[in-house]
Amino acid sequence: MLTNPIDYLSQVHDPRRQNKSLLHPLKNILTIALTAVICGYHDWVDIEDFGNENKT
């Protein structure tokens, strides 16, 4: 049975400072990065473009 990968990504410790200036939860950043790499994007600029192109 397949499980939701976001459940696993939610368990990753976020080493960033936990304050109001964080715009995006780490699980969202990891999900976007993982999806972008699966779709063939190769560097952080491409991953950022992918994230911006696929905003909901």
Protein backbone atom coordinates (compact mmCIF):
# COMPACT_ATOMS: atom_id res chain seq x y z
CA MET A 1 0.00 0.00 0.00
CA LEU A 2 1.33 3.42 -0.92
CA THR A 3 1.47 6.07 1.74
CA ASN A 4 1.33 9.81 1.30
CA PRO A 5 4.91 11.13 0.92
CA ILE A 6 3.87 14.42 2.52
CA ASP A 7 3.35 12.50 5.77
CA TYR A 8 7.05 11.60 5.67
CA LEU A 9 8.15 15.10 4.68
CA SER A 10 6.15 16.53 7.60
CA GLN A 11 8.38 14.59 9.99
CA VAL A 12 11.62 16.25 8.80
CA HIS A 13 13.02 18.59 11.47
CA ASP A 14 13.02 22.22 10.36
CA PRO A 15 16.32 23.78 11.52
CA ARG A 16 15.23 27.31 10.64
CA ARG A 17 14.32 29.80 13.34
CA GLN A 18 10.68 29.38 14.24
CA ASN A 19 9.26 32.88 14.05
CA LYS A 20 6.68 34.83 12.11
CA SER A 21 9.08 35.58 9.25
CA LEU A 22 8.83 32.01 7.87
CA LEU A 23 6.69 32.23 4.76
CA HIS A 24 6.52 28.55 3.88
CA PRO A 25 6.48 25.39 5.99
CA LEU A 26 9.43 23.09 5.32
CA LYS A 27 7.13 20.27 4.18
CA ASN A 28 5.81 22.54 1.39
CA ILE A 29 9.34 23.46 0.26
CA LEU A 30 10.39 19.80 0.24
CA THR A 31 7.23 18.76 -1.63
CA ILE A 32 7.80 21.39 -4.33
CA ALA A 33 11.49 20.47 -4.64
CA LEU A 34 10.78 16.73 -4.84
CA THR A 35 8.02 17.19 -7.40
CA ALA A 36 10.18 19.52 -9.49
CA VAL A 37 13.07 17.03 -9.55
CA ILE A 38 10.70 14.21 -10.55
CA CYS A 39 9.48 16.47 -13.38
CA GLY A 40 13.04 16.99 -14.65
CA TYR A 41 14.07 20.28 -13.06
CA HIS A 42 17.73 20.21 -12.02
CA ASP A 43 18.79 23.25 -10.02
CA TRP A 44 17.35 25.67 -7.47
CA VAL A 45 16.52 28.32 -10.07
CA ASP A 46 14.54 25.74 -12.05
CA ILE A 47 12.85 24.49 -8.87
CA GLU A 48 11.86 28.05 -7.97
CA ASP A 49 10.45 28.54 -11.47
CA PHE A 50 8.52 25.28 -11.12
CA GLY A 51 7.07 26.41 -7.80
CA ASN A 52 6.03 29.78 -9.20
CA GLU A 53 4.50 28.20 -12.31
CA ASN A 54 2.43 25.78 -10.23
CA LYS A 55 1.02 28.01 -7.51
CA THR A 56 -2.50 27.17 -6.47
